[in-house]
Protein backbone atom coordinates (compact mmCIF):
# COMPACT_ATOMS: atom_id res chain seq x y z
CA MET A 1 34.96 -7.99 -3.03
CA GLN A 2 31.42 -8.51 -3.69
CA PHE A 3 28.60 -6.58 -4.96
CA PHE A 4 25.34 -6.52 -3.02
CA ALA A 5 22.20 -6.49 -4.31
CA ARG A 6 18.84 -7.69 -4.11
CA ARG A 7 18.40 -10.75 -5.97
CA ASP A 8 15.22 -11.90 -7.83
CA ALA A 9 14.00 -16.00 -6.73
CA ASN A 10 16.32 -17.40 -9.30
CA GLY A 11 19.29 -15.88 -7.21
CA LYS A 12 20.22 -13.02 -10.02
CA TYR A 13 21.03 -9.46 -8.98
CA ILE A 14 18.14 -7.43 -10.10
CA HIS A 15 19.41 -4.04 -8.07
CA PRO A 16 22.79 -3.61 -7.35
CA ASN A 17 23.85 -1.45 -4.41
CA LEU A 18 26.67 0.87 -4.31
CA TYR A 19 28.72 -0.63 -1.62
CA SER A 20 31.16 -3.30 -1.85
CA GLY A 21 31.17 -5.94 1.14
CA ARG A 22 34.83 -7.50 2.47
CA ILE A 23 33.24 -10.60 3.53
CA ARG A 24 33.99 -13.95 3.35
CA SER A 25 31.40 -15.17 1.23
CA ALA A 26 27.89 -14.60 0.73
CA ARG A 27 26.82 -17.91 2.58
CA SER A 28 28.83 -16.58 5.34
CA SER A 29 26.61 -13.61 5.39
CA GLU A 30 23.08 -15.65 4.58
CA GLN A 31 24.59 -18.01 7.46
CA ALA A 32 25.36 -14.84 10.44
CA PHE A 33 22.07 -13.22 9.50
CA GLU A 34 20.14 -16.49 10.08
CA LYS A 35 22.09 -17.44 13.03
CA PHE A 36 22.48 -14.25 15.01
CA ASN A 37 19.25 -12.15 15.81
CA TYR A 38 20.90 -8.55 17.56
CA TYR A 39 23.62 -6.61 14.84
CA HIS A 40 25.21 -3.72 15.93
CA VAL A 41 25.63 -1.30 12.47
CA GLU A 42 28.45 1.49 12.41
CA MET A 43 28.93 3.92 9.97
CA PHE A 44 31.85 6.18 8.65
CA ILE A 45 32.43 9.02 7.26
CA ALA A 46 36.49 9.80 7.04
CA LEU A 47 38.64 12.86 7.28
CA PRO A 48 39.63 14.07 3.30
CA GLY A 49 42.26 11.64 2.65
CA LYS A 50 41.84 9.00 5.47
CA GLN A 51 39.45 6.45 3.81
CA LYS A 52 41.93 4.11 2.98
CA GLU A 53 43.27 4.59 6.58
CA LEU A 54 39.52 4.17 8.24
CA LEU A 55 39.00 0.48 6.00
CA LYS A 56 42.53 -0.86 7.44
CA GLN A 57 41.69 0.30 10.63
CA ARG A 58 38.14 -1.21 10.61
CA GLU A 59 40.48 -4.62 9.27
CA MET A 60 42.48 -4.28 12.28
CA GLU A 61 39.84 -4.44 14.41
CA ASN A 62 38.32 -7.35 12.93
CA VAL A 63 41.47 -8.83 13.80
CA TYR A 64 41.18 -7.85 17.48
CA LEU A 65 38.18 -9.41 17.47
CA LYS A 66 38.71 -12.53 16.33
CA GLU A 67 41.29 -12.64 18.62
CA ILE A 68 39.52 -12.09 21.53
CA ASP A 69 36.99 -15.06 20.65
CA ARG A 70 34.59 -12.64 19.08
CA ASP A 71 33.30 -12.44 15.46
CA PRO A 72 34.88 -9.89 12.49
CA ASN A 73 32.09 -6.97 11.80
CA PHE A 74 31.29 -7.47 7.96
CA ILE A 75 32.64 -4.21 6.55
CA PHE A 76 31.24 -2.22 3.69
CA THR A 77 32.80 0.15 1.66
CA ARG A 78 31.01 2.75 -0.65
CA LEU A 79 31.79 2.75 -4.21
CA ALA A 80 29.33 5.83 -4.92
CA GLY A 81 26.24 7.32 -4.05
CA SER A 82 26.23 7.58 -0.49
CA VAL A 83 27.85 10.13 2.03
CA TRP A 84 29.40 7.07 4.23
CA ASP A 85 32.63 6.05 3.68
CA ILE A 86 32.33 2.84 5.15
CA PHE A 87 29.91 0.69 7.34
CA THR A 88 30.30 -2.48 9.59
CA ILE A 89 27.59 -5.21 11.06
CA GLY A 90 28.47 -6.81 13.96
CA CYS A 91 26.03 -9.61 14.71
CA TYR A 92 25.16 -11.16 18.34
CA ARG A 93 22.73 -13.40 19.89
CA ASP A 94 21.14 -11.02 21.95
CA ILE A 95 22.37 -7.87 24.08
CA LYS A 96 24.12 -10.25 26.57
CA HIS A 97 26.12 -11.10 23.72
CA PHE A 98 27.65 -7.74 22.70
CA ALA A 99 28.12 -6.62 26.17
CA GLU A 100 29.83 -9.65 26.97
CA SER A 101 33.24 -8.00 25.62
CA ALA A 102 33.27 -5.69 29.28
CA ASP A 103 34.13 -9.55 30.73
CA ILE A 104 37.18 -10.43 28.65
CA PRO A 105 40.47 -9.75 31.00
CA ALA A 106 42.44 -6.60 30.30
CA ASP A 107 45.72 -8.26 29.99
CA ALA A 108 43.65 -10.71 27.23
CA GLU A 109 42.22 -7.12 25.33
CA GLU A 110 46.24 -5.50 25.43
CA LYS A 111 48.12 -8.57 23.77
CA ALA A 112 44.93 -9.13 20.87
CA ALA A 113 45.16 -4.91 20.58
CA LEU A 114 49.01 -5.18 20.23
CA LYS A 115 48.62 -8.63 17.84
CA ALA A 116 46.11 -6.04 15.36
CA GLY A 117 48.49 -3.71 15.36
CA PHE A 118 46.97 -0.76 17.56
CA LYS A 119 49.29 0.99 20.15
CA GLY A 120 47.33 -0.77 22.71
CA ALA A 121 43.81 -1.59 23.89
CA ASN A 122 42.99 1.86 25.24
CA PHE A 123 43.85 3.47 21.83
CA ILE A 124 41.49 1.40 19.81
CA GLY A 125 38.18 4.25 19.91
CA SER A 126 41.06 7.38 19.77
CA TYR A 127 43.09 5.83 16.72
CA LEU A 128 39.42 5.28 15.12
CA ARG A 129 38.14 8.90 15.84
CA GLU A 130 41.65 10.63 14.44
CA LEU A 131 40.40 9.28 11.37
CA ILE A 132 36.38 9.89 10.90
CA ALA A 133 34.27 13.11 10.53
CA GLU A 134 31.08 11.32 11.30
CA HIS A 135 30.10 7.82 13.27
CA HIS A 136 26.56 6.87 13.66
CA ASP A 137 25.89 3.39 15.28
CA THR A 138 22.89 1.84 15.92
CA LEU A 139 21.77 -1.57 17.70
CA ALA A 140 19.06 -3.68 15.46
CA GLY A 141 17.16 -7.03 15.75
CA ALA A 142 16.00 -8.91 13.49
CA VAL A 143 12.73 -8.75 11.92
CA ARG A 144 11.24 -12.40 11.00
């Protein structure tokens, strides 16, 4: 688990946020944000008592994404302060890259969904909605 915070010029944390990120390493996040210019940010408020199951669902979705040769999302969980229990960031080259999942064959999606632990590809979204009280998302471009 890693805390996200601003760093000074020497790399020291100077103002910790109240979120914890489940990422491969701080370096992998820096590389992703340098490499990609387009982001899908999703923010979730879980139903009461469903926070852990929501985190599990987001992790299952990352398995699904890997199985269909997509990069997994960065997952952040609330420690304190904010109303959002979880937010995720998916990194893409551009809008076309984001939309490419529409071209994945249905049988490949189904196989990936089952391997990830879903009942099937058509159940990914409905399972997510069983766990959340509120959801917002946005697409964002890098500002360089």
